[in-house]
Each structure stands twice: as C-alpha cells, then as structure tokens.
C-alpha cells in the first residue's frame, strides 16, 4: 500500500488563520455604561411647584406695588335703562354712600342690593368700567294691576308698594290671599283675553279664601259693568258658556243686567237691574 499523503490546506487569501484552542476576545464595556444613571425625575417634579410659588409671589408683590397707581376714585356713574317712574337723581342719592370707595374697593353686590330695594326697580346690574367708572343698568317694574288697596302687581304677578297709588286707580283691582298673587294675575290675563273681543274689560277680580272667583267688568262700549260669579273651578269653560249665550240672547239686554251667576253645571242665572224710577217733569211757571 502506498502511504497516505497529508495535504496542508492553505488559508484563504486575506483571512487570518484562527489559532486552534484560542477563544475570541470580547470588548469590555466602558466604565460610564456600567455606572448607574442619575434619576432627575424627582428634581423636575420638585422644581415646578417652586417655580409656580415664586411666580405667584412675584405677581402678588408686583400687584401690591402697582395697586396704588391703578386704583382710582370713582368719578363717573352711568345710569342706563328706560326710566319712567324713577329719576336718575334718586338713583344717584341712593348709591351715594358706595361711590366714595375706589375703583377696586367699591362693593358692587351691596350697591345692587340697595338699588333693588327701591320699589320701582325690578332688576339692577352693576359693573366696573376702567379706569374710574361704574355703569348701572336698571329695569323698572311694569305695573299691570292694583293688588288690594295698598300695592301694585307687575307683569310677573309680584307685588310692590310705591309711595303714591293715587295715579294708578285706572288699573284693574285684584284681590286674593297673599300667597296667591301669581295665580290671580295669571287668571286675570286669561279671562281678560277672552272678554276683550266682546268689548269688556276687567275692573275687579277677586279670589276669596274658600276658592270662589268673582269678576266685575268695567263700563265701556259693551255697556255698564256687570258682575260674573264664577265659582271655584272650570273658569275657562264657564267663560266660554257665557260668551256663547251672550252672543245669542244677552247682548241686546246687557244694559239691564246687573249680574250673571255661572256656578251652574249647564246654564246660568241672570240678575236684572232695578228699573229706573221715572222722573216727573216739573210744570213750567210763566212769569209776567
């Protein structure tokens, strides 16, 4: 046998032979990568409150130093609104104790409360206008009726008491328990709207303690005033019944009717006026 020949394998060009039995070298991590990183989250969370406190303190100090220069005395009062029952002079006198304050110290809430204590003022708005002005906007009461003998009712059914009531005797007069002001006003508005096409107006509407309603019309184009006894409930239905019968049979005799009782379920009762006593003519006396 021929002896086996060993071939020596040449390494590929450009490639270094790897020594047998040798291990590869691993690059060591730098020291900075192996050290724990600093955590600044806590410092950031602590820094923001400190900055906010410093900013607030600086703003406060700046405001305190500038306030004496910005806070001026009130030099002008502007009163706005359509005023028919009160004068601007009365308003100025009412708020005089508050105007002595400066622009930032004037008590607007107390000024508004004081104005709304005036009987003819239904609502008041008060605001500042830089640099030295206070603007007041007023809404007056709208009198719709008299409430009893000593007060007036506005369109919301709220009573108010002005000093002079003699100038409002032409308004309808409403009566009822103190707690029923709005109820009486609402009933007045409904019934007045139903009677208006007939030429009637309401001169008096009363709600008595037991719940019965009594209405008196005013003298006008439809004739002299008449009294309507409406009872406790179903006022609208009773008024419709009256209107239907009035158009058919009562219209021609309305001047002779004193009252109409509508408290019946299906009809009404008529109370007639007393006939006027005939007047006897005095004989003329001839003089020589």
C-alpha atoms as a PDB file:
ATOM      1  CA  UNK A   1       0.000   0.000   0.000  1.00  0.00           C
ATOM      2  CA  UNK A   2       1.073   3.355  -0.728  1.00  0.00           C
ATOM      3  CA  UNK A   3       1.416   5.639   2.219  1.00  0.00           C
ATOM      4  CA  UNK A   4      -1.327   8.196   2.751  1.00  0.00           C
ATOM      5  CA  UNK A   5      -0.273  11.684   1.988  1.00  0.00           C
ATOM      6  CA  UNK A   6      -1.398  14.620   4.018  1.00  0.00           C
ATOM      7  CA  UNK A   7      -2.388  17.791   2.286  1.00  0.00           C
ATOM      8  CA  UNK A   8      -1.879  21.061   4.034  1.00  0.00           C
ATOM      9  CA  UNK A   9      -4.845  23.352   3.408  1.00  0.00           C
ATOM     10  CA  UNK A  10      -3.794  26.860   2.738  1.00  0.00           C
ATOM     11  CA  UNK A  11      -5.827  29.614   4.345  1.00  0.00           C
ATOM     12  CA  UNK A  12      -7.858  31.801   2.053  1.00  0.00           C
ATOM     13  CA  UNK A  13      -6.091  34.907   0.979  1.00  0.00           C
ATOM     14  CA  UNK A  14      -6.787  37.958   3.166  1.00  0.00           C
ATOM     15  CA  UNK A  15      -8.072  35.928   6.058  1.00  0.00           C
ATOM     16  CA  UNK A  16      -6.009  35.273   9.129  1.00  0.00           C
ATOM     17  CA  UNK A  17      -5.898  31.753  10.448  1.00  0.00           C
ATOM     18  CA  UNK A  18      -7.660  31.220  13.732  1.00  0.00           C
ATOM     19  CA  UNK A  19      -5.402  29.511  16.174  1.00  0.00           C
ATOM     20  CA  UNK A  20      -6.719  26.314  17.471  1.00  0.00           C
ATOM     21  CA  UNK A  21      -7.801  26.209  21.064  1.00  0.00           C
ATOM     22  CA  UNK A  22      -7.907  30.018  21.317  1.00  0.00           C
ATOM     23  CA  UNK A  23     -11.080  31.928  22.490  1.00  0.00           C
ATOM     24  CA  UNK A  24     -12.376  35.137  20.902  1.00  0.00           C
ATOM     25  CA  UNK A  25     -11.728  38.394  22.694  1.00  0.00           C
ATOM     26  CA  UNK A  26     -14.839  40.287  23.952  1.00  0.00           C
ATOM     27  CA  UNK A  27     -14.673  44.098  24.057  1.00  0.00           C
ATOM     28  CA  UNK A  28     -15.033  45.484  27.553  1.00  0.00           C
ATOM     29  CA  UNK A  29     -17.925  47.970  28.367  1.00  0.00           C
ATOM     30  CA  UNK A  30     -16.825  51.481  29.194  1.00  0.00           C
ATOM     31  CA  UNK A  31     -16.977  52.490  32.837  1.00  0.00           C
ATOM     32  CA  UNK A  32     -19.687  55.132  32.178  1.00  0.00           C
ATOM     33  CA  UNK A  33     -22.052  52.484  30.798  1.00  0.00           C
ATOM     34  CA  UNK A  34     -21.596  50.250  33.810  1.00  0.00           C
ATOM     35  CA  UNK A  35     -22.273  53.027  36.388  1.00  0.00           C
ATOM     36  CA  UNK A  36     -25.986  53.664  37.338  1.00  0.00           C
ATOM     37  CA  UNK A  37     -27.549  56.654  35.590  1.00  0.00           C
ATOM     38  CA  UNK A  38     -28.674  59.583  37.706  1.00  0.00           C
ATOM     39  CA  UNK A  39     -32.502  59.972  38.035  1.00  0.00           C
ATOM     40  CA  UNK A  40     -33.535  63.650  37.678  1.00  0.00           C
ATOM     41  CA  UNK A  41     -37.361  62.997  37.632  1.00  0.00           C
ATOM     42  CA  UNK A  42     -37.669  63.783  41.326  1.00  0.00           C
ATOM     43  CA  UNK A  43     -35.825  67.063  40.920  1.00  0.00           C
ATOM     44  CA  UNK A  44     -38.053  68.053  37.992  1.00  0.00           C
ATOM     45  CA  UNK A  45     -41.228  67.277  39.937  1.00  0.00           C
ATOM     46  CA  UNK A  46     -39.912  69.407  42.800  1.00  0.00           C
ATOM     47  CA  UNK A  47     -38.784  72.274  40.563  1.00  0.00           C
ATOM     48  CA  UNK A  48     -42.217  73.096  39.051  1.00  0.00           C
ATOM     49  CA  UNK A  49     -44.005  73.828  42.357  1.00  0.00           C
ATOM     50  CA  UNK A  50     -41.090  76.000  43.421  1.00  0.00           C
ATOM     51  CA  UNK A  51     -41.278  77.968  40.166  1.00  0.00           C
ATOM     52  CA  UNK A  52     -45.055  78.397  40.475  1.00  0.00           C
ATOM     53  CA  UNK A  53     -44.770  79.636  44.052  1.00  0.00           C
ATOM     54  CA  UNK A  54     -42.039  82.074  43.036  1.00  0.00           C
ATOM     55  CA  UNK A  55     -44.125  83.313  40.093  1.00  0.00           C
ATOM     56  CA  UNK A  56     -47.202  83.797  42.256  1.00  0.00           C
ATOM     57  CA  UNK A  57     -45.230  85.623  44.910  1.00  0.00           C
ATOM     58  CA  UNK A  58     -43.672  87.880  42.303  1.00  0.00           C
ATOM     59  CA  UNK A  59     -47.067  88.633  40.751  1.00  0.00           C
ATOM     60  CA  UNK A  60     -48.542  89.445  44.154  1.00  0.00           C
ATOM     61  CA  UNK A  61     -45.680  91.742  45.060  1.00  0.00           C
ATOM     62  CA  UNK A  62     -45.932  93.491  41.690  1.00  0.00           C
ATOM     63  CA  UNK A  63     -49.684  93.959  42.065  1.00  0.00           C
ATOM     64  CA  UNK A  64     -49.267  95.386  45.563  1.00  0.00           C
ATOM     65  CA  UNK A  65     -46.736  97.916  44.296  1.00  0.00           C
ATOM     66  CA  UNK A  66     -48.848  98.916  41.251  1.00  0.00           C
ATOM     67  CA  UNK A  67     -52.242  98.950  43.002  1.00  0.00           C
ATOM     68  CA  UNK A  68     -51.901 102.457  44.491  1.00  0.00           C
ATOM     69  CA  UNK A  69     -51.284 103.809  40.992  1.00  0.00           C
ATOM     70  CA  UNK A  70     -54.106 101.820  39.287  1.00  0.00           C
ATOM     71  CA  UNK A  71     -56.849 102.076  41.965  1.00  0.00           C
ATOM     72  CA  UNK A  72     -58.510 105.421  41.264  1.00  0.00           C
ATOM     73  CA  UNK A  73     -61.511 107.102  42.879  1.00  0.00           C
ATOM     74  CA  UNK A  74     -64.902 106.662  41.199  1.00  0.00           C
ATOM     75  CA  UNK A  75     -65.547 109.826  39.205  1.00  0.00           C
ATOM     76  CA  UNK A  76     -68.447 108.823  36.935  1.00  0.00           C
ATOM     77  CA  UNK A  77     -71.709 106.910  37.427  1.00  0.00           C
ATOM     78  CA  UNK A  78     -73.592 105.986  34.234  1.00  0.00           C
ATOM     79  CA  UNK A  79     -77.265 105.005  34.671  1.00  0.00           C
ATOM     80  CA  UNK A  80     -78.803 103.119  31.737  1.00  0.00           C
ATOM     81  CA  UNK A  81     -82.332 101.901  31.050  1.00  0.00           C
ATOM     82  CA  UNK A  82     -85.725 103.322  30.131  1.00  0.00           C
ATOM     83  CA  UNK A  83     -86.791 105.102  33.306  1.00  0.00           C
ATOM     84  CA  UNK A  84     -90.398 106.284  33.533  1.00  0.00           C
ATOM     85  CA  UNK A  85     -91.175 106.104  37.245  1.00  0.00           C
ATOM     86  CA  UNK A  86     -87.832 106.945  38.893  1.00  0.00           C
ATOM     87  CA  UNK A  87     -85.257 109.654  38.193  1.00  0.00           C
ATOM     88  CA  UNK A  88     -81.503 109.389  37.816  1.00  0.00           C
ATOM     89  CA  UNK A  89     -81.177 111.843  40.679  1.00  0.00           C
ATOM     90  CA  UNK A  90     -82.998 109.422  43.004  1.00  0.00           C
ATOM     91  CA  UNK A  91     -80.658 106.645  41.894  1.00  0.00           C
ATOM     92  CA  UNK A  92     -77.568 108.808  42.499  1.00  0.00           C
ATOM     93  CA  UNK A  93     -78.753 109.663  46.001  1.00  0.00           C
ATOM     94  CA  UNK A  94     -79.405 106.005  46.776  1.00  0.00           C
ATOM     95  CA  UNK A  95     -75.894 104.847  45.925  1.00  0.00           C
ATOM     96  CA  UNK A  96     -74.032 107.900  47.241  1.00  0.00           C
ATOM     97  CA  UNK A  97     -72.546 106.028  50.263  1.00  0.00           C
ATOM     98  CA  UNK A  98     -70.933 103.453  47.947  1.00  0.00           C
ATOM     99  CA  UNK A  99     -69.432 105.855  45.427  1.00  0.00           C
ATOM    100  CA  UNK A 100     -66.917 107.177  47.969  1.00  0.00           C
ATOM    101  CA  UNK A 101     -64.906 103.950  47.521  1.00  0.00           C
ATOM    102  CA  UNK A 102     -62.186 103.474  44.906  1.00  0.00           C
ATOM    103  CA  UNK A 103     -62.403 101.534  41.653  1.00  0.00           C
ATOM    104  CA  UNK A 104     -61.291  98.180  43.077  1.00  0.00           C
ATOM    105  CA  UNK A 105     -62.838  98.501  46.539  1.00  0.00           C
ATOM    106  CA  UNK A 106     -66.378  99.592  45.580  1.00  0.00           C
ATOM    107  CA  UNK A 107     -68.892  96.987  46.770  1.00  0.00           C
ATOM    108  CA  UNK A 108     -70.908  96.206  43.640  1.00  0.00           C
ATOM    109  CA  UNK A 109     -73.021  93.471  45.260  1.00  0.00           C
ATOM    110  CA  UNK A 110     -74.192  95.753  48.080  1.00  0.00           C
ATOM    111  CA  UNK A 111     -74.856  98.545  45.604  1.00  0.00           C
ATOM    112  CA  UNK A 112     -77.071  96.255  43.540  1.00  0.00           C
ATOM    113  CA  UNK A 113     -78.959  95.070  46.625  1.00  0.00           C
ATOM    114  CA  UNK A 114     -79.543  98.660  47.704  1.00  0.00           C
ATOM    115  CA  UNK A 115     -80.895  99.631  44.279  1.00  0.00           C
ATOM    116  CA  UNK A 116     -83.295  96.685  44.143  1.00  0.00           C
ATOM    117  CA  UNK A 117     -84.787  97.809  47.452  1.00  0.00           C
ATOM    118  CA  UNK A 118     -86.280 100.787  45.600  1.00  0.00           C
ATOM    119  CA  UNK A 119     -89.952  99.931  44.881  1.00  0.00           C
ATOM    120  CA  UNK A 120     -89.871 100.781  41.185  1.00  0.00           C
ATOM    121  CA  UNK A 121     -86.689  98.831  40.351  1.00  0.00           C
ATOM    122  CA  UNK A 122     -87.324  95.228  39.318  1.00  0.00           C
ATOM    123  CA  UNK A 123     -83.717  94.329  38.438  1.00  0.00           C
ATOM    124  CA  UNK A 124     -80.320  96.066  38.597  1.00  0.00           C
ATOM    125  CA  UNK A 125     -76.947  95.255  37.032  1.00  0.00           C
ATOM    126  CA  UNK A 126     -73.763  96.973  38.260  1.00  0.00           C
ATOM    127  CA  UNK A 127     -70.280  96.684  36.730  1.00  0.00           C
ATOM    128  CA  UNK A 128     -66.930  98.483  36.673  1.00  0.00           C
ATOM    129  CA  UNK A 129     -65.524 100.174  33.570  1.00  0.00           C
ATOM    130  CA  UNK A 130     -61.826 101.040  33.625  1.00  0.00           C
ATOM    131  CA  UNK A 131     -60.400 103.304  34.880  1.00  0.00           C
ATOM    132  CA  UNK A 132     -62.869 105.180  37.125  1.00  0.00           C
ATOM    133  CA  UNK A 133     -66.453 104.449  36.072  1.00  0.00           C
ATOM    134  CA  UNK A 134     -69.385 102.398  37.366  1.00  0.00           C
ATOM    135  CA  UNK A 135     -72.171 101.514  34.934  1.00  0.00           C
ATOM    136  CA  UNK A 136     -75.653 100.745  36.286  1.00  0.00           C
ATOM    137  CA  UNK A 137     -78.378  99.220  34.151  1.00  0.00           C
ATOM    138  CA  UNK A 138     -81.901  99.312  35.595  1.00  0.00           C
ATOM    139  CA  UNK A 139     -85.125  97.542  34.705  1.00  0.00           C
ATOM    140  CA  UNK A 140     -88.259  99.156  36.080  1.00  0.00           C
ATOM    141  CA  UNK A 141     -91.394  97.477  37.338  1.00  0.00           C
ATOM    142  CA  UNK A 142     -94.233  97.199  34.830  1.00  0.00           C
ATOM    143  CA  UNK A 143     -97.473  97.814  36.757  1.00  0.00           C
ATOM    144  CA  UNK A 144    -100.357  95.768  35.379  1.00  0.00           C
ATOM    145  CA  UNK A 145    -102.916  95.879  38.181  1.00  0.00           C
ATOM    146  CA  UNK A 146    -103.557  97.017  41.722  1.00  0.00           C
ATOM    147  CA  UNK A 147    -103.230  94.442  44.479  1.00  0.00           C
ATOM    148  CA  UNK A 148    -105.806  95.260  47.113  1.00  0.00           C
ATOM    149  CA  UNK A 149    -105.729  98.862  48.269  1.00  0.00           C
ATOM    150  CA  UNK A 150    -102.029  99.323  49.079  1.00  0.00           C
ATOM    151  CA  UNK A 151     -99.883  97.688  46.394  1.00  0.00           C
ATOM    152  CA  UNK A 152     -99.391  97.130  42.669  1.00  0.00           C
ATOM    153  CA  UNK A 153     -98.737  93.938  40.725  1.00  0.00           C
ATOM    154  CA  UNK A 154     -96.146  93.688  37.957  1.00  0.00           C
ATOM    155  CA  UNK A 155     -96.465  91.500  34.881  1.00  0.00           C
ATOM    156  CA  UNK A 156     -94.906  88.573  36.801  1.00  0.00           C
ATOM    157  CA  UNK A 157     -97.577  88.665  39.495  1.00  0.00           C
ATOM    158  CA  UNK A 158     -95.217  90.149  42.105  1.00  0.00           C
ATOM    159  CA  UNK A 159     -96.483  92.855  44.421  1.00  0.00           C
ATOM    160  CA  UNK A 160     -94.583  96.072  45.105  1.00  0.00           C
ATOM    161  CA  UNK A 161     -95.547  99.141  47.075  1.00  0.00           C
ATOM    162  CA  UNK A 162     -94.681 102.580  45.691  1.00  0.00           C
ATOM    163  CA  UNK A 163     -95.384 105.676  47.719  1.00  0.00           C
ATOM    164  CA  UNK A 164     -98.103 107.135  45.506  1.00  0.00           C
ATOM    165  CA  UNK A 165    -101.010 104.913  44.442  1.00  0.00           C
ATOM    166  CA  UNK A 166    -103.472 107.642  43.529  1.00  0.00           C
ATOM    167  CA  UNK A 167    -102.154 107.798  39.968  1.00  0.00           C
ATOM    168  CA  UNK A 168    -102.978 104.125  39.301  1.00  0.00           C
ATOM    169  CA  UNK A 169    -106.684 103.979  40.037  1.00  0.00           C
ATOM    170  CA  UNK A 170    -107.344 103.299  36.355  1.00  0.00           C
ATOM    171  CA  UNK A 171    -105.679  99.869  36.662  1.00  0.00           C
ATOM    172  CA  UNK A 172    -107.827  96.799  37.393  1.00  0.00           C
ATOM    173  CA  UNK A 173    -108.009  95.835  41.053  1.00  0.00           C
ATOM    174  CA  UNK A 174    -107.173  92.277  42.066  1.00  0.00           C
ATOM    175  CA  UNK A 175    -107.813  90.663  45.443  1.00  0.00           C
ATOM    176  CA  UNK A 176    -106.831  87.381  46.993  1.00  0.00           C
ATOM    177  CA  UNK A 177    -104.732  85.686  49.667  1.00  0.00           C
ATOM    178  CA  UNK A 178    -101.154  86.926  49.845  1.00  0.00           C
ATOM    179  CA  UNK A 179     -99.806  83.564  48.675  1.00  0.00           C
ATOM    180  CA  UNK A 180    -101.993  83.657  45.517  1.00  0.00           C
ATOM    181  CA  UNK A 181    -100.640  86.774  43.814  1.00  0.00           C
ATOM    182  CA  UNK A 182     -99.267  84.968  40.762  1.00  0.00           C
ATOM    183  CA  UNK A 183    -102.349  82.743  40.487  1.00  0.00           C
ATOM    184  CA  UNK A 184    -104.697  85.725  40.465  1.00  0.00           C
ATOM    185  CA  UNK A 185    -102.543  87.546  37.911  1.00  0.00           C
ATOM    186  CA  UNK A 186    -102.486  84.523  35.590  1.00  0.00           C
ATOM    187  CA  UNK A 187    -106.254  84.115  35.852  1.00  0.00           C
ATOM    188  CA  UNK A 188    -106.735  87.794  35.166  1.00  0.00           C
ATOM    189  CA  UNK A 189    -104.663  87.589  31.983  1.00  0.00           C
ATOM    190  CA  UNK A 190    -106.602  84.561  30.683  1.00  0.00           C
ATOM    191  CA  UNK A 191    -110.069  85.945  31.412  1.00  0.00           C
ATOM    192  CA  UNK A 192    -109.195  89.411  30.155  1.00  0.00           C
ATOM    193  CA  UNK A 193    -108.095  87.965  26.813  1.00  0.00           C
ATOM    194  CA  UNK A 194    -111.391  86.070  26.487  1.00  0.00           C
ATOM    195  CA  UNK A 195    -113.572  89.077  27.285  1.00  0.00           C
ATOM    196  CA  UNK A 196    -111.725  91.615  25.153  1.00  0.00           C
ATOM    197  CA  UNK A 197    -113.358  90.629  21.798  1.00  0.00           C
ATOM    198  CA  UNK A 198    -116.791  91.302  23.362  1.00  0.00           C
ATOM    199  CA  UNK A 199    -115.781  94.839  24.326  1.00  0.00           C
ATOM    200  CA  UNK A 200    -115.479  94.007  28.041  1.00  0.00           C
ATOM    201  CA  UNK A 201    -112.577  94.827  30.331  1.00  0.00           C
ATOM    202  CA  UNK A 202    -111.968  93.563  33.863  1.00  0.00           C
ATOM    203  CA  UNK A 203    -112.306  96.183  36.558  1.00  0.00           C
ATOM    204  CA  UNK A 204    -112.102  93.808  39.528  1.00  0.00           C
ATOM    205  CA  UNK A 205    -111.172  90.151  40.061  1.00  0.00           C
ATOM    206  CA  UNK A 206    -111.306  88.535  43.478  1.00  0.00           C
ATOM    207  CA  UNK A 207    -110.276  85.133  44.775  1.00  0.00           C
ATOM    208  CA  UNK A 208    -111.829  84.556  48.176  1.00  0.00           C
ATOM    209  CA  UNK A 209    -110.463  82.359  50.938  1.00  0.00           C
ATOM    210  CA  UNK A 210    -112.796  79.463  50.096  1.00  0.00           C
ATOM    211  CA  UNK A 211    -111.637  79.447  46.482  1.00  0.00           C
ATOM    212  CA  UNK A 212    -114.537  81.202  44.756  1.00  0.00           C
ATOM    213  CA  UNK A 213    -113.879  83.713  41.972  1.00  0.00           C
ATOM    214  CA  UNK A 214    -115.819  86.944  41.410  1.00  0.00           C
ATOM    215  CA  UNK A 215    -115.301  89.179  38.390  1.00  0.00           C
ATOM    216  CA  UNK A 216    -116.637  92.652  37.659  1.00  0.00           C
ATOM    217  CA  UNK A 217    -116.362  94.132  34.193  1.00  0.00           C
ATOM    218  CA  UNK A 218    -115.697  97.784  33.587  1.00  0.00           C
ATOM    219  CA  UNK A 219    -118.127 100.131  31.928  1.00  0.00           C
ATOM    220  CA  UNK A 220    -117.342 100.589  28.264  1.00  0.00           C
ATOM    221  CA  UNK A 221    -118.586 100.134  24.741  1.00  0.00           C
ATOM    222  CA  UNK A 222    -120.360  96.903  25.715  1.00  0.00           C
ATOM    223  CA  UNK A 223    -122.411  98.703  28.344  1.00  0.00           C
ATOM    224  CA  UNK A 224    -122.228  99.230  32.108  1.00  0.00           C
ATOM    225  CA  UNK A 225    -120.207  96.924  34.282  1.00  0.00           C
ATOM    226  CA  UNK A 226    -121.698  93.577  35.288  1.00  0.00           C
ATOM    227  CA  UNK A 227    -120.697  91.067  37.933  1.00  0.00           C
ATOM    228  CA  UNK A 228    -119.853  87.475  36.991  1.00  0.00           C
ATOM    229  CA  UNK A 229    -119.997  84.796  39.688  1.00  0.00           C
ATOM    230  CA  UNK A 230    -117.606  82.079  38.510  1.00  0.00           C
ATOM    231  CA  UNK A 231    -117.377  79.671  41.434  1.00  0.00           C
ATOM    232  CA  UNK A 232    -114.327  77.592  42.327  1.00  0.00           C
ATOM    233  CA  UNK A 233    -113.170  75.752  39.215  1.00  0.00           C
ATOM    234  CA  UNK A 234    -113.517  75.335  35.438  1.00  0.00           C
ATOM    235  CA  UNK A 235    -113.375  79.083  34.933  1.00  0.00           C
ATOM    236  CA  UNK A 236    -112.442  78.899  31.249  1.00  0.00           C
ATOM    237  CA  UNK A 237    -115.344  76.554  30.400  1.00  0.00           C
ATOM    238  CA  UNK A 238    -117.778  78.791  32.292  1.00  0.00           C
ATOM    239  CA  UNK A 239    -116.489  81.858  30.498  1.00  0.00           C
ATOM    240  CA  UNK A 240    -116.939  80.142  27.113  1.00  0.00           C
ATOM    241  CA  UNK A 241    -120.525  79.317  28.065  1.00  0.00           C
ATOM    242  CA  UNK A 242    -121.144  82.947  28.983  1.00  0.00           C
ATOM    243  CA  UNK A 243    -119.679  84.157  25.674  1.00  0.00           C
ATOM    244  CA  UNK A 244    -121.870  81.776  23.644  1.00  0.00           C
ATOM    245  CA  UNK A 245    -125.091  82.751  25.449  1.00  0.00           C
ATOM    246  CA  UNK A 246    -124.147  86.432  25.414  1.00  0.00           C
ATOM    247  CA  UNK A 247    -123.829  86.450  21.635  1.00  0.00           C
ATOM    248  CA  UNK A 248    -127.204  84.720  21.186  1.00  0.00           C
ATOM    249  CA  UNK A 249    -129.526  86.265  23.774  1.00  0.00           C
ATOM    250  CA  UNK A 250    -127.874  88.580  26.282  1.00  0.00           C
ATOM    251  CA  UNK A 251    -126.179  91.109  24.048  1.00  0.00           C
ATOM    252  CA  UNK A 252    -129.335  93.093  23.318  1.00  0.00           C
ATOM    253  CA  UNK A 253    -130.260  93.287  27.011  1.00  0.00           C
ATOM    254  CA  UNK A 254    -126.837  93.799  28.557  1.00  0.00           C
ATOM    255  CA  UNK A 255    -127.665  97.301  29.802  1.00  0.00           C
ATOM    256  CA  UNK A 256    -130.392  95.823  32.016  1.00  0.00           C
ATOM    257  CA  UNK A 257    -128.236  93.054  33.515  1.00  0.00           C
ATOM    258  CA  UNK A 258    -126.564  93.569  36.896  1.00  0.00           C
ATOM    259  CA  UNK A 259    -125.001  90.112  37.487  1.00  0.00           C
ATOM    260  CA  UNK A 260    -124.722  86.683  35.931  1.00  0.00           C
ATOM    261  CA  UNK A 261    -124.294  83.546  38.014  1.00  0.00           C
ATOM    262  CA  UNK A 262    -122.207  80.937  36.179  1.00  0.00           C
ATOM    263  CA  UNK A 263    -121.895  78.467  39.043  1.00  0.00           C
ATOM    264  CA  UNK A 264    -124.397  76.096  37.440  1.00  0.00           C
ATOM    265  CA  UNK A 265    -123.303  72.958  35.602  1.00  0.00           C
ATOM    266  CA  UNK A 266    -125.196  73.577  32.352  1.00  0.00           C
ATOM    267  CA  UNK A 267    -126.532  77.088  32.441  1.00  0.00           C
ATOM    268  CA  UNK A 268    -126.528  80.475  34.110  1.00  0.00           C
ATOM    269  CA  UNK A 269    -128.810  82.780  36.071  1.00  0.00           C
ATOM    270  CA  UNK A 270    -129.306  86.449  35.252  1.00  0.00           C
ATOM    271  CA  UNK A 271    -129.837  89.167  37.843  1.00  0.00           C
ATOM    272  CA  UNK A 272    -131.562  92.213  36.385  1.00  0.00           C
ATOM    273  CA  UNK A 273    -131.029  95.824  37.320  1.00  0.00           C
ATOM    274  CA  UNK A 274    -133.747  97.673  39.164  1.00  0.00           C
ATOM    275  CA  UNK A 275    -135.741  99.776  36.727  1.00  0.00           C
ATOM    276  CA  UNK A 276    -135.008 103.434  36.989  1.00  0.00           C
ATOM    277  CA  UNK A 277    -137.765 105.450  38.575  1.00  0.00           C
ATOM    278  CA  UNK A 278    -139.448 107.710  36.045  1.00  0.00           C
ATOM    279  CA  UNK A 279    -138.770 111.377  36.539  1.00  0.00           C
ATOM    280  CA  UNK A 280    -141.804 113.682  36.641  1.00  0.00           C
ATOM    281  CA  UNK A 281    -141.452 116.823  34.668  1.00  0.00           C
ATOM    282  CA  UNK A 282    -141.997 119.997  36.650  1.00  0.00           C
ATOM    283  CA  UNK A 283    -144.568 122.331  35.116  1.00  0.00           C
ATOM    284  CA  UNK A 284    -143.140 125.477  33.779  1.00  0.00           C
ATOM    285  CA  UNK A 285    -144.254 128.655  35.553  1.00  0.00           C
ATOM    286  CA  UNK A 286    -144.836 131.604  33.348  1.00  0.00           C
ATOM    287  CA  UNK A 287    -143.792 134.905  34.677  1.00  0.00           C
ATOM    288  CA  UNK A 288    -145.314 138.174  33.728  1.00  0.00           C
END
